[in-house]
PDB file of N, CA and C in Angstrom:
ATOM      1  N   GLU A   1       0.847  -1.172   0.000  1.00  0.00           N
ATOM      2  CA  GLU A   1       0.000   0.000   0.000  1.00  0.00           C
ATOM      3  C   GLU A   1       0.892   1.234   0.000  1.00  0.00           C
ATOM      4  N   LYS A   2       0.633   2.170  -0.907  1.00  0.00           N
ATOM      5  CA  LYS A   2       1.433   3.387  -1.009  1.00  0.00           C
ATOM      6  C   LYS A   2       0.986   4.424   0.001  1.00  0.00           C
ATOM      7  N   LEU A   3       1.913   5.234   0.413  1.00  0.00           N
ATOM      8  CA  LEU A   3       1.649   6.326   1.333  1.00  0.00           C
ATOM      9  C   LEU A   3       1.870   7.612   0.568  1.00  0.00           C
ATOM     10  N   PHE A   4       0.923   8.548   0.596  1.00  0.00           N
ATOM     11  CA  PHE A   4       1.032   9.790  -0.137  1.00  0.00           C
ATOM     12  C   PHE A   4       1.262  10.944   0.816  1.00  0.00           C
ATOM     13  N   LEU A   5       2.244  11.777   0.507  1.00  0.00           N
ATOM     14  CA  LEU A   5       2.574  12.950   1.308  1.00  0.00           C
ATOM     15  C   LEU A   5       2.570  14.160   0.404  1.00  0.00           C
ATOM     16  N   GLN A   6       2.172  15.295   0.938  1.00  0.00           N
ATOM     17  CA  GLN A   6       2.220  16.529   0.165  1.00  0.00           C
ATOM     18  C   GLN A   6       3.460  17.295   0.592  1.00  0.00           C
ATOM     19  N   ALA A   7       4.290  17.662  -0.356  1.00  0.00           N
ATOM     20  CA  ALA A   7       5.528  18.373  -0.064  1.00  0.00           C
ATOM     21  C   ALA A   7       5.466  19.766  -0.661  1.00  0.00           C
ATOM     22  N   SER A   8       6.314  20.660  -0.137  1.00  0.00           N
ATOM     23  CA  SER A   8       6.352  22.008  -0.677  1.00  0.00           C
ATOM     24  C   SER A   8       6.927  22.010  -2.087  1.00  0.00           C
ATOM     25  N   ASN A   9       7.725  21.019  -2.422  1.00  0.00           N
ATOM     26  CA  ASN A   9       8.231  20.841  -3.777  1.00  0.00           C
ATOM     27  C   ASN A   9       7.702  19.493  -4.272  1.00  0.00           C
ATOM     28  N   PRO A  10       6.514  19.479  -4.916  1.00  0.00           N
ATOM     29  CA  PRO A  10       5.800  18.243  -5.221  1.00  0.00           C
ATOM     30  C   PRO A  10       6.597  17.166  -5.941  1.00  0.00           C
ATOM     31  N   GLY A  11       7.561  17.495  -6.750  1.00  0.00           N
ATOM     32  CA  GLY A  11       8.320  16.478  -7.465  1.00  0.00           C
ATOM     33  C   GLY A  11       9.249  15.663  -6.587  1.00  0.00           C
ATOM     34  N   GLN A  12       9.415  16.054  -5.354  1.00  0.00           N
ATOM     35  CA  GLN A  12      10.381  15.405  -4.475  1.00  0.00           C
ATOM     36  C   GLN A  12      10.068  13.931  -4.227  1.00  0.00           C
ATOM     37  N   PHE A  13       8.790  13.545  -4.181  1.00  0.00           N
ATOM     38  CA  PHE A  13       8.429  12.184  -3.812  1.00  0.00           C
ATOM     39  C   PHE A  13       7.934  11.350  -4.985  1.00  0.00           C
ATOM     40  N   GLU A  14       8.199  11.775  -6.205  1.00  0.00           N
ATOM     41  CA  GLU A  14       7.653  11.081  -7.366  1.00  0.00           C
ATOM     42  C   GLU A  14       8.398   9.800  -7.712  1.00  0.00           C
ATOM     43  N   ASN A  15       9.653   9.688  -7.368  1.00  0.00           N
ATOM     44  CA  ASN A  15      10.456   8.531  -7.739  1.00  0.00           C
ATOM     45  C   ASN A  15      10.306   7.448  -6.673  1.00  0.00           C
ATOM     46  N   ASP A  16       9.734   6.283  -7.050  1.00  0.00           N
ATOM     47  CA  ASP A  16       9.539   5.198  -6.088  1.00  0.00           C
ATOM     48  C   ASP A  16      10.850   4.690  -5.505  1.00  0.00           C
ATOM     49  N   SER A  17      11.965   4.804  -6.241  1.00  0.00           N
ATOM     50  CA  SER A  17      13.239   4.313  -5.721  1.00  0.00           C
ATOM     51  C   SER A  17      13.744   5.191  -4.587  1.00  0.00           C
ATOM     52  N   ASP A  18      13.223   6.417  -4.471  1.00  0.00           N
ATOM     53  CA  ASP A  18      13.635   7.316  -3.394  1.00  0.00           C
ATOM     54  C   ASP A  18      12.638   7.306  -2.233  1.00  0.00           C
ATOM     55  N   ALA A  19      11.784   6.295  -2.156  1.00  0.00           N
ATOM     56  CA  ALA A  19      10.737   6.245  -1.133  1.00  0.00           C
ATOM     57  C   ALA A  19      11.353   5.987   0.230  1.00  0.00           C
ATOM     58  N   LEU A  20      11.570   7.056   0.988  1.00  0.00           N
ATOM     59  CA  LEU A  20      12.122   6.924   2.326  1.00  0.00           C
ATOM     60  C   LEU A  20      11.032   6.884   3.382  1.00  0.00           C
ATOM     61  N   TRP A  21       9.817   7.330   3.022  1.00  0.00           N
ATOM     62  CA  TRP A  21       8.687   7.303   3.954  1.00  0.00           C
ATOM     63  C   TRP A  21       8.009   5.946   3.848  1.00  0.00           C
ATOM     64  N   GLN A  22       7.702   5.350   5.000  1.00  0.00           N
ATOM     65  CA  GLN A  22       7.015   4.065   5.008  1.00  0.00           C
ATOM     66  C   GLN A  22       5.968   4.052   6.111  1.00  0.00           C
ATOM     67  N   ARG A  23       4.949   3.256   5.930  1.00  0.00           N
ATOM     68  CA  ARG A  23       3.964   3.058   6.985  1.00  0.00           C
ATOM     69  C   ARG A  23       4.660   2.300   8.114  1.00  0.00           C
ATOM     70  N   GLY A  24       4.461   2.733   9.352  1.00  0.00           N
ATOM     71  CA  GLY A  24       5.108   2.090  10.494  1.00  0.00           C
ATOM     72  C   GLY A  24       4.462   0.770  10.858  1.00  0.00           C
ATOM     73  N   HIS A  25       5.150   0.002  11.703  1.00  0.00           N
ATOM     74  CA  HIS A  25       4.618  -1.285  12.160  1.00  0.00           C
ATOM     75  C   HIS A  25       3.514  -1.080  13.189  1.00  0.00           C
ATOM     76  N   VAL A  26       3.584   0.024  13.918  1.00  0.00           N
ATOM     77  CA  VAL A  26       2.562   0.359  14.903  1.00  0.00           C
ATOM     78  C   VAL A  26       1.453   1.119  14.177  1.00  0.00           C
ATOM     79  N   PRO A  27       0.188   0.838  14.476  1.00  0.00           N
ATOM     80  CA  PRO A  27      -0.904   1.536  13.783  1.00  0.00           C
ATOM     81  C   PRO A  27      -0.774   3.056  13.867  1.00  0.00           C
ATOM     82  N   GLU A  28      -1.151   3.729  12.786  1.00  0.00           N
ATOM     83  CA  GLU A  28      -1.160   5.190  12.690  1.00  0.00           C
ATOM     84  C   GLU A  28       0.220   5.821  12.853  1.00  0.00           C
ATOM     85  N   THR A  29       1.256   5.134  12.383  1.00  0.00           N
ATOM     86  CA  THR A  29       2.601   5.697  12.423  1.00  0.00           C
ATOM     87  C   THR A  29       3.205   5.721  11.026  1.00  0.00           C
ATOM     88  N   VAL A  30       4.135   6.653  10.831  1.00  0.00           N
ATOM     89  CA  VAL A  30       4.877   6.781   9.587  1.00  0.00           C
ATOM     90  C   VAL A  30       6.354   6.815   9.956  1.00  0.00           C
ATOM     91  N   VAL A  31       7.174   6.134   9.180  1.00  0.00           N
ATOM     92  CA  VAL A  31       8.609   6.073   9.431  1.00  0.00           C
ATOM     93  C   VAL A  31       9.331   6.733   8.269  1.00  0.00           C
ATOM     94  N   TYR A  32      10.294   7.581   8.572  1.00  0.00           N
ATOM     95  CA  TYR A  32      11.132   8.205   7.550  1.00  0.00           C
ATOM     96  C   TYR A  32      12.572   7.814   7.825  1.00  0.00           C
ATOM     97  N   HIS A  33      13.238   7.285   6.833  1.00  0.00           N
ATOM     98  CA  HIS A  33      14.630   6.859   6.988  1.00  0.00           C
ATOM     99  C   HIS A  33      15.539   7.971   6.491  1.00  0.00           C
ATOM    100  N   GLY A  34      15.870   8.873   7.370  1.00  0.00           N
ATOM    101  CA  GLY A  34      16.703  10.013   7.032  1.00  0.00           C
ATOM    102  C   GLY A  34      16.410  11.164   7.972  1.00  0.00           C
ATOM    103  N   ARG A  35      16.871  12.343   7.613  1.00  0.00           N
ATOM    104  CA  ARG A  35      16.658  13.527   8.432  1.00  0.00           C
ATOM    105  C   ARG A  35      15.404  14.263   7.987  1.00  0.00           C
ATOM    106  N   VAL A  36      14.704  14.853   8.953  1.00  0.00           N
ATOM    107  CA  VAL A  36      13.483  15.588   8.674  1.00  0.00           C
ATOM    108  C   VAL A  36      13.682  17.033   9.110  1.00  0.00           C
ATOM    109  N   GLY A  37      13.350  17.968   8.225  1.00  0.00           N
ATOM    110  CA  GLY A  37      13.447  19.379   8.549  1.00  0.00           C
ATOM    111  C   GLY A  37      12.104  20.051   8.408  1.00  0.00           C
ATOM    112  N   ILE A  38      11.722  20.829   9.405  1.00  0.00           N
ATOM    113  CA  ILE A  38      10.504  21.631   9.347  1.00  0.00           C
ATOM    114  C   ILE A  38      10.947  23.083   9.313  1.00  0.00           C
ATOM    115  N   ASN A  39      10.573  23.790   8.263  1.00  0.00           N
ATOM    116  CA  ASN A  39      11.013  25.162   7.979  1.00  0.00           C
ATOM    117  C   ASN A  39      12.509  25.245   7.724  1.00  0.00           C
ATOM    118  N   THR A  40      13.095  24.174   7.247  1.00  0.00           N
ATOM    119  CA  THR A  40      14.494  24.164   6.817  1.00  0.00           C
ATOM    120  C   THR A  40      14.655  23.083   5.760  1.00  0.00           C
ATOM    121  N   ASP A  41      15.528  23.328   4.802  1.00  0.00           N
ATOM    122  CA  ASP A  41      15.794  22.292   3.808  1.00  0.00           C
ATOM    123  C   ASP A  41      17.163  21.664   4.024  1.00  0.00           C
ATOM    124  N   ALA A  42      17.790  21.959   5.176  1.00  0.00           N
ATOM    125  CA  ALA A  42      19.102  21.394   5.478  1.00  0.00           C
ATOM    126  C   ALA A  42      19.175  20.921   6.933  1.00  0.00           C
ATOM    127  N   PRO A  43      18.353  19.924   7.319  1.00  0.00           N
ATOM    128  CA  PRO A  43      18.426  19.444   8.697  1.00  0.00           C
ATOM    129  C   PRO A  43      19.752  18.736   8.952  1.00  0.00           C
ATOM    130  N   ASP A  44      20.368  19.026  10.090  1.00  0.00           N
ATOM    131  CA  ASP A  44      21.646  18.397  10.423  1.00  0.00           C
ATOM    132  C   ASP A  44      21.507  17.406  11.571  1.00  0.00           C
ATOM    133  N   GLU A  45      20.284  17.115  11.981  1.00  0.00           N
ATOM    134  CA  GLU A  45      19.983  16.105  12.994  1.00  0.00           C
ATOM    135  C   GLU A  45      18.787  15.296  12.495  1.00  0.00           C
ATOM    136  N   ALA A  46      18.374  14.284  13.251  1.00  0.00           N
ATOM    137  CA  ALA A  46      17.247  13.449  12.847  1.00  0.00           C
ATOM    138  C   ALA A  46      15.986  14.280  12.650  1.00  0.00           C
ATOM    139  N   LEU A  47      15.738  15.259  13.528  1.00  0.00           N
ATOM    140  CA  LEU A  47      14.596  16.154  13.386  1.00  0.00           C
ATOM    141  C   LEU A  47      15.043  17.555  13.757  1.00  0.00           C
ATOM    142  N   VAL A  48      14.832  18.500  12.851  1.00  0.00           N
ATOM    143  CA  VAL A  48      15.156  19.906  13.100  1.00  0.00           C
ATOM    144  C   VAL A  48      13.895  20.720  12.854  1.00  0.00           C
ATOM    145  N   VAL A  49      13.476  21.471  13.865  1.00  0.00           N
ATOM    146  CA  VAL A  49      12.320  22.346  13.750  1.00  0.00           C
ATOM    147  C   VAL A  49      12.819  23.772  13.886  1.00  0.00           C
ATOM    148  N   CYS A  50      12.696  24.558  12.831  1.00  0.00           N
ATOM    149  CA  CYS A  50      13.076  25.969  12.880  1.00  0.00           C
ATOM    150  C   CYS A  50      11.787  26.766  13.088  1.00  0.00           C
ATOM    151  N   GLY A  51      11.546  27.134  14.314  1.00  0.00           N
ATOM    152  CA  GLY A  51      10.314  27.819  14.677  1.00  0.00           C
ATOM    153  C   GLY A  51       9.763  27.208  15.949  1.00  0.00           C
ATOM    154  N   ASN A  52       8.590  27.627  16.324  1.00  0.00           N
ATOM    155  CA  ASN A  52       7.954  27.121  17.537  1.00  0.00           C
ATOM    156  C   ASN A  52       7.320  25.765  17.275  1.00  0.00           C
ATOM    157  N   ALA A  53       7.250  24.949  18.306  1.00  0.00           N
ATOM    158  CA  ALA A  53       6.579  23.650  18.217  1.00  0.00           C
ATOM    159  C   ALA A  53       5.542  23.582  19.325  1.00  0.00           C
ATOM    160  N   LYS A  54       4.372  23.115  19.004  1.00  0.00           N
ATOM    161  CA  LYS A  54       3.313  22.947  19.993  1.00  0.00           C
ATOM    162  C   LYS A  54       3.089  21.461  20.180  1.00  0.00           C
ATOM    163  N   VAL A  55       3.047  21.021  21.416  1.00  0.00           N
ATOM    164  CA  VAL A  55       2.830  19.616  21.735  1.00  0.00           C
ATOM    165  C   VAL A  55       1.523  19.508  22.499  1.00  0.00           C
ATOM    166  N   MET A  56       0.630  18.705  21.985  1.00  0.00           N
ATOM    167  CA  MET A  56      -0.643  18.458  22.656  1.00  0.00           C
ATOM    168  C   MET A  56      -0.556  17.042  23.220  1.00  0.00           C
ATOM    169  N   GLY A  57      -0.041  16.922  24.402  1.00  0.00           N
ATOM    170  CA  GLY A  57       0.161  15.606  25.012  1.00  0.00           C
ATOM    171  C   GLY A  57       1.490  15.584  25.722  1.00  0.00           C
ATOM    172  N   ARG A  58       1.995  14.420  25.985  1.00  0.00           N
ATOM    173  CA  ARG A  58       3.237  14.255  26.740  1.00  0.00           C
ATOM    174  C   ARG A  58       4.455  14.220  25.825  1.00  0.00           C
ATOM    175  N   VAL A  59       5.566  14.684  26.336  1.00  0.00           N
ATOM    176  CA  VAL A  59       6.856  14.515  25.679  1.00  0.00           C
ATOM    177  C   VAL A  59       7.670  13.609  26.594  1.00  0.00           C
ATOM    178  N   MET A  60       8.013  12.453  26.106  1.00  0.00           N
ATOM    179  CA  MET A  60       8.802  11.511  26.898  1.00  0.00           C
ATOM    180  C   MET A  60      10.255  11.620  26.463  1.00  0.00           C
ATOM    181  N   HIS A  61      11.135  11.575  27.417  1.00  0.00           N
ATOM    182  CA  HIS A  61      12.569  11.670  27.176  1.00  0.00           C
ATOM    183  C   HIS A  61      13.240  10.631  28.059  1.00  0.00           C
ATOM    184  N   PRO A  62      14.341  10.032  27.614  1.00  0.00           N
ATOM    185  CA  PRO A  62      14.997   9.017  28.447  1.00  0.00           C
ATOM    186  C   PRO A  62      15.353   9.518  29.844  1.00  0.00           C
ATOM    187  N   SER A  63      15.457  10.830  30.030  1.00  0.00           N
ATOM    188  CA  SER A  63      15.781  11.367  31.339  1.00  0.00           C
ATOM    189  C   SER A  63      14.536  11.544  32.205  1.00  0.00           C
ATOM    190  N   ASP A  64      13.372  11.301  31.657  1.00  0.00           N
ATOM    191  CA  ASP A  64      12.110  11.466  32.367  1.00  0.00           C
ATOM    192  C   ASP A  64      11.971  10.375  33.428  1.00  0.00           C
ATOM    193  N   SER A  65      11.610  10.757  34.651  1.00  0.00           N
ATOM    194  CA  SER A  65      11.478   9.775  35.731  1.00  0.00           C
ATOM    195  C   SER A  65      10.390   8.748  35.439  1.00  0.00           C
ATOM    196  N   ARG A  66       9.421   9.095  34.582  1.00  0.00           N
ATOM    197  CA  ARG A  66       8.370   8.139  34.237  1.00  0.00           C
ATOM    198  C   ARG A  66       8.906   6.970  33.423  1.00  0.00           C
ATOM    199  N   ALA A  67      10.119   7.092  32.876  1.00  0.00           N
ATOM    200  CA  ALA A  67      10.707   6.031  32.063  1.00  0.00           C
ATOM    201  C   ALA A  67      11.740   5.226  32.841  1.00  0.00           C
ATOM    202  N   LYS A  68      11.830   5.448  34.160  1.00  0.00           N
ATOM    203  CA  LYS A  68      12.880   4.817  34.964  1.00  0.00           C
ATOM    204  C   LYS A  68      12.295   3.991  36.101  1.00  0.00           C
ATOM    205  N   GLN A  69      13.114   3.112  36.619  1.00  0.00           N
ATOM    206  CA  GLN A  69      12.767   2.359  37.822  1.00  0.00           C
ATOM    207  C   GLN A  69      14.011   2.228  38.683  1.00  0.00           C
ATOM    208  N   ASN A  70      13.864   1.756  39.894  1.00  0.00           N
ATOM    209  CA  ASN A  70      14.974   1.583  40.842  1.00  0.00           C
ATOM    210  C   ASN A  70      15.727   2.893  41.077  1.00  0.00           C
ATOM    211  N   ILE A  71      15.005   3.992  41.183  1.00  0.00           N
ATOM    212  CA  ILE A  71      15.615   5.295  41.471  1.00  0.00           C
ATOM    213  C   ILE A  71      15.981   5.324  42.949  1.00  0.00           C
ATOM    214  N   ARG A  72      17.234   5.673  43.277  1.00  0.00           N
ATOM    215  CA  ARG A  72      17.682   5.672  44.673  1.00  0.00           C
ATOM    216  C   ARG A  72      18.675   6.790  44.914  1.00  0.00           C
ATOM    217  N   GLU A  73      18.799   7.185  46.158  1.00  0.00           N
ATOM    218  CA  GLU A  73      19.752   8.218  46.559  1.00  0.00           C
ATOM    219  C   GLU A  73      21.177   7.694  46.394  1.00  0.00           C
ATOM    220  N   VAL A  74      22.122   8.633  46.169  1.00  0.00           N
ATOM    221  CA  VAL A  74      23.530   8.262  46.027  1.00  0.00           C
ATOM    222  C   VAL A  74      24.355   8.974  47.092  1.00  0.00           C
ATOM    223  N   ASP A  75      25.599   8.558  47.237  1.00  0.00           N
ATOM    224  CA  ASP A  75      26.525   9.176  48.182  1.00  0.00           C
ATOM    225  C   ASP A  75      26.938  10.543  47.633  1.00  0.00           C
ATOM    226  N   THR A  76      26.471  11.626  48.267  1.00  0.00           N
ATOM    227  CA  THR A  76      26.734  12.974  47.750  1.00  0.00           C
ATOM    228  C   THR A  76      28.224  13.313  47.749  1.00  0.00           C
ATOM    229  N   ASN A  77      28.985  12.840  48.731  1.00  0.00           N
ATOM    230  CA  ASN A  77      30.432  13.125  48.746  1.00  0.00           C
ATOM    231  C   ASN A  77      31.119  12.515  47.530  1.00  0.00           C
ATOM    232  N   GLU A  78      30.742  11.300  47.192  1.00  0.00           N
ATOM    233  CA  GLU A  78      31.319  10.640  46.015  1.00  0.00           C
ATOM    234  C   GLU A  78      30.922  11.390  44.743  1.00  0.00           C
ATOM    235  N   GLN A  79      29.682  11.838  44.660  1.00  0.00           N
ATOM    236  CA  GLN A  79      29.228  12.548  43.471  1.00  0.00           C
ATOM    237  C   GLN A  79      29.913  13.907  43.343  1.00  0.00           C
ATOM    238  N   LEU A  80      30.143  14.608  44.452  1.00  0.00           N
ATOM    239  CA  LEU A  80      30.872  15.881  44.405  1.00  0.00           C
ATOM    240  C   LEU A  80      32.309  15.669  43.936  1.00  0.00           C
ATOM    241  N   ARG A  81      32.937  14.568  44.375  1.00  0.00           N
ATOM    242  CA  ARG A  81      34.294  14.253  43.914  1.00  0.00           C
ATOM    243  C   ARG A  81      34.287  14.036  42.404  1.00  0.00           C
ATOM    244  N   ARG A  82      33.282  13.361  41.901  1.00  0.00           N
ATOM    245  CA  ARG A  82      33.187  13.110  40.468  1.00  0.00           C
ATOM    246  C   ARG A  82      32.948  14.410  39.697  1.00  0.00           C
ATOM    247  N   ILE A  83      32.151  15.305  40.258  1.00  0.00           N
ATOM    248  CA  ILE A  83      31.892  16.582  39.600  1.00  0.00           C
ATOM    249  C   ILE A  83      33.167  17.401  39.472  1.00  0.00           C
ATOM    250  N   THR A  84      34.031  17.365  40.481  1.00  0.00           N
ATOM    251  CA  THR A  84      35.285  18.137  40.409  1.00  0.00           C
ATOM    252  C   THR A  84      36.204  17.618  39.312  1.00  0.00           C
ATOM    253  N   GLN A  85      35.955  16.440  38.811  1.00  0.00           N
ATOM    254  CA  GLN A  85      36.766  15.880  37.720  1.00  0.00           C
ATOM    255  C   GLN A  85      36.196  16.229  36.349  1.00  0.00           C
ATOM    256  N   MET A  86      35.039  16.875  36.319  1.00  0.00           N
ATOM    257  CA  MET A  86      34.425  17.220  35.033  1.00  0.00           C
ATOM    258  C   MET A  86      35.166  18.376  34.370  1.00  0.00           C
ATOM    259  N   ARG A  87      35.150  18.382  33.054  1.00  0.00           N
ATOM    260  CA  ARG A  87      35.720  19.474  32.262  1.00  0.00           C
ATOM    261  C   ARG A  87      34.613  20.497  32.041  1.00  0.00           C
ATOM    262  N   LEU A  88      34.774  21.699  32.565  1.00  0.00           N
ATOM    263  CA  LEU A  88      33.797  22.765  32.408  1.00  0.00           C
ATOM    264  C   LEU A  88      34.315  23.753  31.372  1.00  0.00           C
ATOM    265  N   VAL A  89      33.435  24.205  30.478  1.00  0.00           N
ATOM    266  CA  VAL A  89      33.850  25.109  29.410  1.00  0.00           C
ATOM    267  C   VAL A  89      32.857  26.262  29.278  1.00  0.00           C
ATOM    268  N   GLU A  90      33.312  27.343  28.674  1.00  0.00           N
ATOM    269  CA  GLU A  90      32.469  28.437  28.221  1.00  0.00           C
ATOM    270  C   GLU A  90      32.618  28.498  26.714  1.00  0.00           C
ATOM    271  N   TYR A  91      31.621  29.014  26.027  1.00  0.00           N
ATOM    272  CA  TYR A  91      31.714  29.077  24.563  1.00  0.00           C
ATOM    273  C   TYR A  91      30.819  30.172  24.028  1.00  0.00           C
ATOM    274  N   ASP A  92      31.077  30.534  22.775  1.00  0.00           N
ATOM    275  CA  ASP A  92      30.224  31.441  22.010  1.00  0.00           C
ATOM    276  C   ASP A  92      29.710  30.652  20.811  1.00  0.00           C
ATOM    277  N   TYR A  93      28.443  30.874  20.456  1.00  0.00           N
ATOM    278  CA  TYR A  93      27.924  30.252  19.243  1.00  0.00           C
ATOM    279  C   TYR A  93      28.576  30.900  18.029  1.00  0.00           C
ATOM    280  N   LYS A  94      28.767  30.110  16.980  1.00  0.00           N
ATOM    281  CA  LYS A  94      29.242  30.660  15.721  1.00  0.00           C
ATOM    282  C   LYS A  94      28.166  31.611  15.200  1.00  0.00           C
ATOM    283  N   PRO A  95      28.557  32.771  14.663  1.00  0.00           N
ATOM    284  CA  PRO A  95      27.573  33.761  14.210  1.00  0.00           C
ATOM    285  C   PRO A  95      26.565  33.202  13.211  1.00  0.00           C
ATOM    286  N   GLU A  96      27.003  32.339  12.279  1.00  0.00           N
ATOM    287  CA  GLU A  96      26.078  31.800  11.286  1.00  0.00           C
ATOM    288  C   GLU A  96      25.024  30.897  11.933  1.00  0.00           C
ATOM    289  N   PHE A  97      25.383  30.165  12.983  1.00  0.00           N
ATOM    290  CA  PHE A  97      24.439  29.317  13.706  1.00  0.00           C
ATOM    291  C   PHE A  97      23.489  30.191  14.508  1.00  0.00           C
ATOM    292  N   ALA A  98      24.029  31.165  15.207  1.00  0.00           N
ATOM    293  CA  ALA A  98      23.209  32.042  16.041  1.00  0.00           C
ATOM    294  C   ALA A  98      22.155  32.768  15.209  1.00  0.00           C
ATOM    295  N   SER A  99      22.530  33.247  14.027  1.00  0.00           N
ATOM    296  CA  SER A  99      21.573  33.987  13.208  1.00  0.00           C
ATOM    297  C   SER A  99      20.463  33.074  12.688  1.00  0.00           C
ATOM    298  N   VAL A 100      20.800  31.851  12.305  1.00  0.00           N
ATOM    299  CA  VAL A 100      19.792  30.914  11.813  1.00  0.00           C
ATOM    300  C   VAL A 100      18.837  30.515  12.944  1.00  0.00           C
ATOM    301  N   MET A 101      19.355  30.376  14.161  1.00  0.00           N
ATOM    302  CA  MET A 101      18.550  29.921  15.298  1.00  0.00           C
ATOM    303  C   MET A 101      17.855  31.085  16.004  1.00  0.00           C
ATOM    304  N   GLY A 102      18.135  32.317  15.579  1.00  0.00           N
ATOM    305  CA  GLY A 102      17.498  33.467  16.214  1.00  0.00           C
ATOM    306  C   GLY A 102      18.061  33.794  17.575  1.00  0.00           C
ATOM    307  N   ILE A 103      19.325  33.429  17.815  1.00  0.00           N
ATOM    308  CA  ILE A 103      19.976  33.702  19.103  1.00  0.00           C
ATOM    309  C   ILE A 103      20.656  35.063  19.001  1.00  0.00           C
ATOM    310  N   LYS A 104      20.277  35.992  19.864  1.00  0.00           N
ATOM    311  CA  LYS A 104      20.859  37.332  19.808  1.00  0.00           C
ATOM    312  C   LYS A 104      22.134  37.424  20.633  1.00  0.00           C
ATOM    313  N   ASP A 105      22.156  36.828  21.825  1.00  0.00           N
ATOM    314  CA  ASP A 105      23.325  36.883  22.692  1.00  0.00           C
ATOM    315  C   ASP A 105      24.111  35.587  22.521  1.00  0.00           C
ATOM    316  N   THR A 106      25.212  35.656  21.770  1.00  0.00           N
ATOM    317  CA  THR A 106      25.959  34.429  21.483  1.00  0.00           C
ATOM    318  C   THR A 106      26.840  34.025  22.632  1.00  0.00           C
TER     319      THR A 106
END
């Protein structure tokens, strides 16, 4: 079964050999094998959104406590010793990145 998508440049999805979009194994899902850009034609990560994003529902992240179990307190003295071994840095964004991302204070 073919999946049809509307693109801003309609000829982009005409070649079946370039079909990177597929129906997912889970119902009501779509899989894209490559990078996806929203408001950009040069995404440099799996998903790049240039602009605001609205989420109606939950955003789950591996750091979310809802995705973890066996959470326990640790020895704070040992953790402070480990923190003192960390490499801390300061940096400025490259001007070309800052301008694309709308960052005024680099």
